[in-house]
Amino acid sequence: MPLQDHHQLISVDDHLVEPPHLWEQWLPADLRDRGPQVVEEDRGDQPPAQVWHYAGRRFPQIGLNAVAGKKPEEFGIDPVRYDHMLPGCWEPEARVIDMDIDGVQAQLCFPSFPRTAGAAFIEGVVKEGDDPKLALACVRAWNDFQLQEWCSVAPGRFIPVVMLPLWDVDASVAEIERTAALGARTVTFPENTVPLGLPSFHTDHWDPLFAAAADAQMPLSMHFGSSGQGPLTAPEAPLAVVITLFGCNSMYAAADLMFSPVFHRHPNLKVAFSEGGIGWVPYLLERADYTWERHRFYQNVDQTTRPSDLFRSNMWVCFIDDEHGLASRHEIGVGNITWECDYPHSDSNWPNSRKRAAELLEDVPDDEAQRIVELNARELFGLPR
């Protein structure tokens, strides 16, 4: 059966482009002149580019991050202006209209300029020596914008997500507690913390944060590329190689977590992988279990729980367009699969997301289809219908 009319699409991976007023409005008044600002840059005969400046560094808008409504022949990575994007990229009222056009009931909208897990602020403090108090204020300002401006436009239509000041675990715990009280349902967290200059999942460094997230029932949403380290094969390789292999980042993170102590110490912690696809899961679980059966006895890994059992109890994956993955859904676990739209990025099927989802799920029983496109996400993120 095709997707039924009463099945609502809940997307666990979309993006917002920060509006120019965000930090001007949401930072404390005495910090606004030092916060992120949009600057017009001359480009000769072309319209001036609009780029973010923060802490003496330049952060251009990336064209592929805001191509909703364009044909693939028009895609590009050049810096863009706000008037080159659909208003739904950066205006929440317009976003809801675009969701209605697309047949999408709710979205989880990751950051853009700060990167999906706030890495611009994290690396600024850890690697560049930025003022940690200013960076903390910038993180809190983004979160307040997300919760009190973006999501408040249409309650129930967005899954409130927040970023954390990960250079400071105690401050991160405090931000989880503060934002949970304001309605946050998930935190964006790097798929790998090490490239950002932070300790790994194999240490006890993150235990207070993981405990706070589990207590608040806020899953860690790990978007691929949030580590700042992509699967680059060679300096000369075209971007198409990186885009094709980006799901490998989610594979690395899943393997890392399955063999780490994280879920043994925090059995109620949940991890949602974003934009990594699902077709790789059966192979990885088979390989991880095979490795565990043969090699666990001489290594510092858990001796009693199969990696695949940890995956199915603590991890969720999502897809945009993954026919092979859906055909393997029972090997993955129907209860571990969610759907994503990825608006306004270049992989999105907007404005035909519901049409494409219906095509992909045509041979999937109704109860499984609804669980995949709606119910798993509602349960994972505590989003009532």
Protein backbone atom coordinates (compact mmCIF):
# COMPACT_ATOMS: atom_id res chain seq x y z
CA MET A 1 0.00 0.00 0.00
CA PRO A 2 1.23 3.57 -0.62
CA LEU A 3 1.74 5.96 2.30
CA GLN A 4 -1.64 6.56 3.92
CA ASP A 5 -3.12 10.04 4.33
CA HIS A 6 -3.22 9.75 8.12
CA HIS A 7 0.51 8.90 8.31
CA GLN A 8 2.31 12.12 9.25
CA LEU A 9 5.89 12.69 8.14
CA ILE A 10 8.25 13.63 10.97
CA SER A 11 11.67 14.69 9.69
CA VAL A 12 14.58 14.24 12.09
CA ASP A 13 17.09 16.18 10.00
CA ASP A 14 16.57 19.62 8.51
CA HIS A 15 18.45 22.89 8.77
CA LEU A 16 17.80 26.55 9.39
CA VAL A 17 19.95 29.36 8.07
CA GLU A 18 20.45 31.78 10.92
CA PRO A 19 18.74 35.13 10.23
CA PRO A 20 21.00 38.21 10.44
CA HIS A 21 19.29 39.48 13.59
CA LEU A 22 19.82 36.34 15.67
CA TRP A 23 22.74 37.38 17.85
CA GLU A 24 21.86 41.07 17.68
CA GLN A 25 18.55 40.22 19.32
CA TRP A 26 19.36 37.30 21.59
CA LEU A 27 22.82 38.16 22.98
CA PRO A 28 23.04 40.34 26.10
CA ALA A 29 23.30 43.99 25.06
CA ASP A 30 26.89 44.40 26.26
CA LEU A 31 28.10 41.52 24.03
CA ARG A 32 26.25 42.25 20.80
CA ASP A 33 29.06 44.21 19.15
CA ARG A 34 31.36 41.17 19.65
CA GLY A 35 28.89 38.53 18.57
CA PRO A 36 28.44 37.00 15.10
CA GLN A 37 27.43 39.53 12.45
CA VAL A 38 26.50 39.35 8.78
CA VAL A 39 28.90 41.40 6.64
CA GLU A 40 28.47 42.47 3.00
CA GLU A 41 31.55 41.60 0.92
CA ASP A 42 32.21 43.13 -2.49
CA ARG A 43 32.48 40.66 -5.41
CA GLY A 44 33.05 43.04 -8.31
CA ASP A 45 30.40 42.61 -10.99
CA GLN A 46 28.41 40.13 -8.87
CA PRO A 47 26.05 41.08 -6.03
CA PRO A 48 27.89 41.44 -2.70
CA ALA A 49 28.19 38.23 -0.73
CA GLN A 50 26.69 38.04 2.75
CA VAL A 51 28.99 36.18 5.14
CA TRP A 52 29.19 35.73 8.89
CA HIS A 53 32.08 37.26 10.81
CA TYR A 54 32.89 36.18 14.35
CA ALA A 55 36.00 36.50 16.52
CA GLY A 56 38.07 37.82 13.61
CA ARG A 57 37.15 34.90 11.35
CA ARG A 58 35.01 34.65 8.22
CA PHE A 59 32.23 32.06 7.82
CA PRO A 60 30.65 32.14 4.34
CA GLN A 61 27.17 30.89 3.61
CA ILE A 62 27.55 27.65 1.65
CA GLY A 63 25.40 27.53 -1.44
CA LEU A 64 24.56 23.81 -1.17
CA ASN A 65 23.07 24.48 2.27
CA ALA A 66 20.22 26.56 0.85
CA VAL A 67 19.22 25.26 -2.57
CA ALA A 68 15.62 24.27 -1.90
CA GLY A 69 13.53 25.17 -4.94
CA LYS A 70 16.47 25.03 -7.39
CA LYS A 71 17.24 22.45 -10.05
CA PRO A 72 20.43 20.33 -9.64
CA GLU A 73 21.87 22.17 -12.64
CA GLU A 74 21.68 25.37 -10.55
CA PHE A 75 23.42 23.97 -7.44
CA GLY A 76 26.71 25.50 -6.37
CA ILE A 77 28.89 26.13 -3.33
CA ASP A 78 29.41 29.84 -3.85
CA PRO A 79 28.58 32.24 -1.01
CA VAL A 80 24.96 33.27 -1.20
CA ARG A 81 22.73 36.11 -0.14
CA TYR A 82 19.53 35.81 1.83
CA ASP A 83 17.57 37.06 -1.16
CA HIS A 84 19.00 34.14 -3.16
CA MET A 85 17.31 31.64 -0.81
CA LEU A 86 13.71 30.70 -0.27
CA PRO A 87 12.43 32.63 2.78
CA GLY A 88 11.72 29.26 4.41
CA CYS A 89 15.47 28.80 4.86
CA TRP A 90 15.61 31.48 7.54
CA GLU A 91 12.07 32.62 8.40
CA PRO A 92 10.07 30.18 10.58
CA GLU A 93 6.68 31.35 9.30
CA ALA A 94 7.77 30.72 5.72
CA ARG A 95 9.29 27.38 6.74
CA VAL A 96 5.92 26.14 7.98
CA ILE A 97 4.38 27.06 4.62
CA ASP A 98 7.11 25.11 2.82
CA MET A 99 6.52 22.14 5.14
CA ASP A 100 2.83 22.20 4.26
CA ILE A 101 3.67 22.29 0.55
CA ASP A 102 5.95 19.27 1.09
CA GLY A 103 3.51 17.28 3.22
CA VAL A 104 5.80 17.31 6.26
CA GLN A 105 4.25 17.62 9.72
CA ALA A 106 7.33 18.36 11.87
CA GLN A 107 11.05 19.02 11.48
CA LEU A 108 14.22 19.04 13.57
CA CYS A 109 16.27 22.04 12.38
CA PHE A 110 20.05 21.96 12.93
CA PRO A 111 22.29 25.06 12.94
CA SER A 112 24.12 26.19 9.80
CA PHE A 113 26.73 28.93 10.38
CA PRO A 114 27.92 27.49 13.75
CA ARG A 115 27.85 23.99 12.11
CA THR A 116 25.52 21.26 13.17
CA ALA A 117 26.93 20.72 16.67
CA GLY A 118 28.10 24.29 17.27
CA ALA A 119 31.65 23.41 16.26
CA ALA A 120 32.45 26.99 15.24
CA PHE A 121 32.16 28.02 18.87
CA ILE A 122 33.77 24.84 20.24
CA GLU A 123 36.85 25.00 18.02
CA GLY A 124 37.06 28.73 18.59
CA VAL A 125 37.53 28.19 22.32
CA VAL A 126 39.58 24.97 22.16
CA LYS A 127 41.85 25.77 19.22
CA GLU A 128 41.71 29.53 18.62
CA GLY A 129 41.68 30.90 22.17
CA ASP A 130 38.28 32.62 21.87
CA ASP A 131 36.68 34.13 24.94
CA PRO A 132 34.75 31.20 26.49
CA LYS A 133 32.25 33.54 28.18
CA LEU A 134 31.35 35.14 24.85
CA ALA A 135 31.14 31.72 23.18
CA LEU A 136 28.86 30.45 25.94
CA ALA A 137 26.63 33.49 25.51
CA CYS A 138 26.52 32.84 21.74
CA VAL A 139 25.49 29.20 22.31
CA ARG A 140 22.79 30.23 24.74
CA ALA A 141 21.56 32.91 22.33
CA TRP A 142 21.19 30.35 19.52
CA ASN A 143 19.28 28.06 21.86
CA ASP A 144 16.97 30.85 23.00
CA PHE A 145 16.31 31.77 19.37
CA GLN A 146 15.53 28.13 18.53
CA LEU A 147 13.20 27.61 21.50
CA GLN A 148 11.54 31.00 21.87
CA GLU A 149 11.46 32.34 18.30
CA TRP A 150 11.81 29.55 15.73
CA CYS A 151 9.82 26.78 17.43
CA SER A 152 7.27 29.06 19.07
CA VAL A 153 5.88 30.14 15.68
CA ALA A 154 4.10 26.81 15.30
CA PRO A 155 4.14 24.62 18.43
CA GLY A 156 4.28 20.93 17.58
CA ARG A 157 5.65 21.56 14.08
CA PHE A 158 9.31 21.57 15.17
CA ILE A 159 11.43 19.27 17.34
CA PRO A 160 13.34 21.72 19.57
CA VAL A 161 17.10 21.07 19.36
CA VAL A 162 19.87 22.87 21.24
CA MET A 163 23.65 23.02 21.05
CA LEU A 164 26.05 22.82 23.99
CA PRO A 165 29.27 24.59 25.10
CA LEU A 166 31.19 21.33 24.87
CA TRP A 167 34.52 22.84 25.95
CA ASP A 168 33.01 22.89 29.46
CA VAL A 169 31.13 19.79 30.66
CA ASP A 170 29.65 21.51 33.72
CA ALA A 171 28.35 24.39 31.59
CA SER A 172 26.94 21.83 29.14
CA VAL A 173 25.07 20.05 31.93
CA ALA A 174 23.68 23.39 33.09
CA GLU A 175 22.55 24.19 29.54
CA ILE A 176 20.82 20.82 29.19
CA GLU A 177 18.92 21.49 32.41
CA ARG A 178 18.11 25.10 31.46
CA THR A 179 16.85 24.30 27.98
CA ALA A 180 14.99 21.14 29.00
CA ALA A 181 12.89 23.36 31.25
CA LEU A 182 12.15 25.54 28.18
CA GLY A 183 11.01 22.58 26.09
CA ALA A 184 14.15 21.33 24.33
CA ARG A 185 13.80 17.71 23.17
CA THR A 186 17.30 16.86 21.89
CA VAL A 187 20.88 18.13 21.83
CA THR A 188 23.09 18.24 18.76
CA PHE A 189 26.33 16.41 19.56
CA PRO A 190 29.43 15.65 17.42
CA GLU A 191 29.70 12.20 15.86
CA ASN A 192 33.35 12.26 16.96
CA THR A 193 34.64 14.72 19.54
CA VAL A 194 38.35 14.06 19.00
CA PRO A 195 38.85 16.13 15.79
CA LEU A 196 37.40 19.10 17.70
CA GLY A 197 40.17 18.81 20.28
CA LEU A 198 37.97 17.13 22.90
CA PRO A 199 38.18 13.76 24.73
CA SER A 200 36.74 10.64 23.11
CA PHE A 201 33.77 8.43 23.95
CA HIS A 202 36.20 5.94 25.48
CA THR A 203 36.96 8.18 28.47
CA ASP A 204 34.80 9.14 31.45
CA HIS A 205 35.00 12.82 30.51
CA TRP A 206 31.44 12.98 29.16
CA ASP A 207 29.73 10.98 31.90
CA PRO A 208 28.05 13.99 33.63
CA LEU A 209 26.75 15.27 30.29
CA PHE A 210 25.48 11.86 29.16
CA ALA A 211 23.79 11.34 32.52
CA ALA A 212 22.09 14.75 32.30
CA ALA A 213 20.89 14.08 28.74
CA ALA A 214 19.53 10.67 29.72
CA ASP A 215 17.79 12.10 32.79
CA ALA A 216 16.20 14.82 30.68
CA GLN A 217 15.19 12.23 28.03
CA MET A 218 17.04 14.27 25.41
CA PRO A 219 18.68 12.08 22.73
CA LEU A 220 22.03 13.06 21.25
CA SER A 221 21.42 13.98 17.59
CA MET A 222 24.65 13.25 15.72
CA HIS A 223 24.69 14.76 12.25
CA PHE A 224 27.34 13.51 9.86
CA GLY A 225 30.18 15.96 9.42
CA SER A 226 29.61 17.46 12.87
CA SER A 227 33.12 16.32 13.83
CA GLY A 228 34.56 18.61 11.17
CA GLN A 229 36.27 15.60 9.63
CA GLY A 230 34.87 14.21 6.39
CA PRO A 231 35.84 11.05 4.46
CA LEU A 232 38.32 12.74 2.10
CA THR A 233 40.26 10.23 0.02
CA ALA A 234 42.71 12.54 -1.75
CA PRO A 235 43.34 16.28 -2.07
CA GLU A 236 42.38 16.06 -5.74
CA ALA A 237 39.17 14.09 -5.19
CA PRO A 238 36.01 15.94 -6.26
CA LEU A 239 33.41 16.88 -3.68
CA ALA A 240 31.24 14.10 -5.12
CA VAL A 241 33.53 11.54 -3.43
CA VAL A 242 33.04 13.14 -0.03
CA ILE A 243 29.28 13.46 -0.49
CA THR A 244 29.01 9.81 -1.56
CA LEU A 245 30.99 8.58 1.44
CA PHE A 246 29.53 10.83 4.14
CA GLY A 247 27.51 7.92 5.55
CA CYS A 248 30.85 6.42 6.60
CA ASN A 249 31.01 9.04 9.36
CA SER A 250 27.86 7.58 10.88
CA MET A 251 29.35 4.08 10.56
CA TYR A 252 32.48 5.19 12.40
CA ALA A 253 30.42 6.77 15.16
CA ALA A 254 28.17 3.72 15.55
CA ALA A 255 31.17 1.36 15.78
CA ASP A 256 32.90 3.72 18.21
CA LEU A 257 29.87 3.83 20.49
CA MET A 258 29.14 0.09 20.32
CA PHE A 259 32.63 -0.74 21.60
CA SER A 260 32.80 2.14 24.08
CA PRO A 261 31.56 2.13 27.70
CA VAL A 262 28.95 4.82 26.96
CA PHE A 263 25.79 2.69 26.87
CA HIS A 264 26.99 0.39 29.63
CA ARG A 265 27.33 3.39 31.94
CA HIS A 266 24.24 5.17 30.58
CA PRO A 267 21.75 2.52 29.42
CA ASN A 268 18.96 5.10 28.99
CA LEU A 269 21.00 7.40 26.71
CA LYS A 270 19.73 7.51 23.13
CA VAL A 271 21.66 8.48 20.00
CA ALA A 272 20.02 9.53 16.72
CA PHE A 273 22.25 9.59 13.64
CA SER A 274 21.28 12.26 11.12
CA GLU A 275 21.71 12.12 7.35
CA GLY A 276 23.92 9.04 7.32
CA GLY A 277 21.51 6.73 5.53
CA ILE A 278 20.60 3.22 6.70
CA GLY A 279 21.81 0.76 4.07
CA TRP A 280 25.16 0.26 5.82
CA VAL A 281 23.63 -0.90 9.10
CA PRO A 282 23.20 -4.67 8.43
CA TYR A 283 26.80 -5.10 7.35
CA LEU A 284 28.19 -3.05 10.23
CA LEU A 285 26.18 -4.96 12.84
CA GLU A 286 27.21 -8.30 11.36
CA ARG A 287 30.85 -7.25 11.28
CA ALA A 288 30.76 -5.77 14.79
CA ASP A 289 29.24 -8.94 16.25
CA TYR A 290 31.76 -11.12 14.40
CA THR A 291 34.60 -8.99 15.72
CA TRP A 292 33.17 -9.11 19.25
CA GLU A 293 32.78 -12.91 19.18
CA ARG A 294 36.39 -13.47 18.14
CA HIS A 295 38.32 -10.59 19.68
CA ARG A 296 36.63 -9.43 22.86
CA PHE A 297 38.56 -11.68 25.21
CA TYR A 298 41.89 -9.89 24.96
CA GLN A 299 40.56 -6.34 24.67
CA ASN A 300 39.12 -3.76 27.01
CA VAL A 301 35.56 -4.14 25.70
CA ASP A 302 32.39 -5.39 27.34
CA GLN A 303 32.32 -9.19 27.51
CA THR A 304 28.57 -9.77 27.90
CA THR A 305 26.53 -7.62 25.47
CA ARG A 306 26.63 -8.03 21.70
CA PRO A 307 27.26 -4.77 19.82
CA SER A 308 24.13 -5.26 17.72
CA ASP A 309 22.03 -5.43 20.89
CA LEU A 310 23.44 -2.07 21.99
CA PHE A 311 22.64 -0.62 18.59
CA ARG A 312 19.02 -1.73 18.70
CA SER A 313 18.45 -0.54 22.27
CA ASN A 314 20.23 2.82 22.05
CA MET A 315 20.66 4.02 18.44
CA TRP A 316 18.42 5.25 15.64
CA VAL A 317 19.22 5.95 11.98
CA CYS A 318 17.41 7.89 9.27
CA PHE A 319 17.13 8.00 5.51
CA ILE A 320 16.13 10.35 2.71
CA ASP A 321 16.20 8.00 -0.27
CA ASP A 322 17.51 4.53 0.57
CA GLU A 323 15.78 1.67 -1.28
CA HIS A 324 18.37 -0.90 -0.22
CA GLY A 325 18.08 0.13 3.42
CA LEU A 326 14.29 -0.13 3.44
CA ALA A 327 14.50 -3.59 1.85
CA SER A 328 16.76 -4.54 4.79
CA ARG A 329 14.58 -2.89 7.42
CA HIS A 330 14.03 -6.07 9.46
CA GLU A 331 17.78 -6.65 9.72
CA ILE A 332 18.19 -3.08 10.92
CA GLY A 333 15.13 -3.03 13.16
CA VAL A 334 11.94 -1.32 12.04
CA GLY A 335 11.84 0.45 15.40
CA ASN A 336 15.28 1.98 14.80
CA ILE A 337 14.54 3.71 11.48
CA THR A 338 13.35 7.29 11.04
CA TRP A 339 12.83 9.55 8.03
CA GLU A 340 14.34 12.89 7.07
CA CYS A 341 13.59 15.68 4.62
CA ASP A 342 16.92 17.61 4.81
CA TYR A 343 15.33 20.93 3.78
CA PRO A 344 16.88 23.15 2.40
CA HIS A 345 19.98 21.11 1.53
CA SER A 346 20.88 19.65 -1.84
CA ASP A 347 19.86 16.08 -0.95
CA SER A 348 16.29 17.10 -0.10
CA ASN A 349 13.39 16.09 -2.35
CA TRP A 350 11.41 19.26 -1.49
CA PRO A 351 8.72 19.99 -2.63
CA ASN A 352 8.12 16.31 -3.42
CA SER A 353 9.22 14.70 -0.15
CA ARG A 354 5.90 13.03 0.62
CA LYS A 355 5.54 11.82 -2.96
CA ARG A 356 9.01 10.25 -2.88
CA ALA A 357 8.45 8.74 0.58
CA ALA A 358 5.23 7.14 -0.70
CA GLU A 359 7.12 5.62 -3.63
CA LEU A 360 9.84 4.22 -1.37
CA LEU A 361 7.33 2.74 1.09
CA GLU A 362 4.93 1.32 -1.50
CA ASP A 363 5.81 -2.30 -0.64
CA VAL A 364 6.10 -1.70 3.13
CA PRO A 365 3.10 -2.69 5.29
CA ASP A 366 1.14 0.25 6.66
CA ASP A 367 2.01 -0.36 10.30
CA GLU A 368 5.73 -0.48 9.52
CA ALA A 369 5.52 2.55 7.23
CA GLN A 370 3.84 4.67 9.89
CA ARG A 371 6.39 3.57 12.47
CA ILE A 372 9.24 4.57 10.16
CA VAL A 373 7.94 7.96 9.01
CA GLU A 374 6.21 9.06 12.21
CA LEU A 375 5.89 6.95 15.35
CA ASN A 376 9.57 6.17 15.96
CA ALA A 377 10.44 9.88 15.88
CA ARG A 378 7.49 10.84 18.07
CA GLU A 379 8.53 8.31 20.71
CA LEU A 380 12.26 9.09 20.44
CA PHE A 381 11.86 12.85 20.83
CA GLY A 382 8.72 12.95 22.98
CA LEU A 383 6.65 14.71 20.33
CA PRO A 384 2.94 14.04 20.90
CA ARG A 385 0.60 13.96 17.94
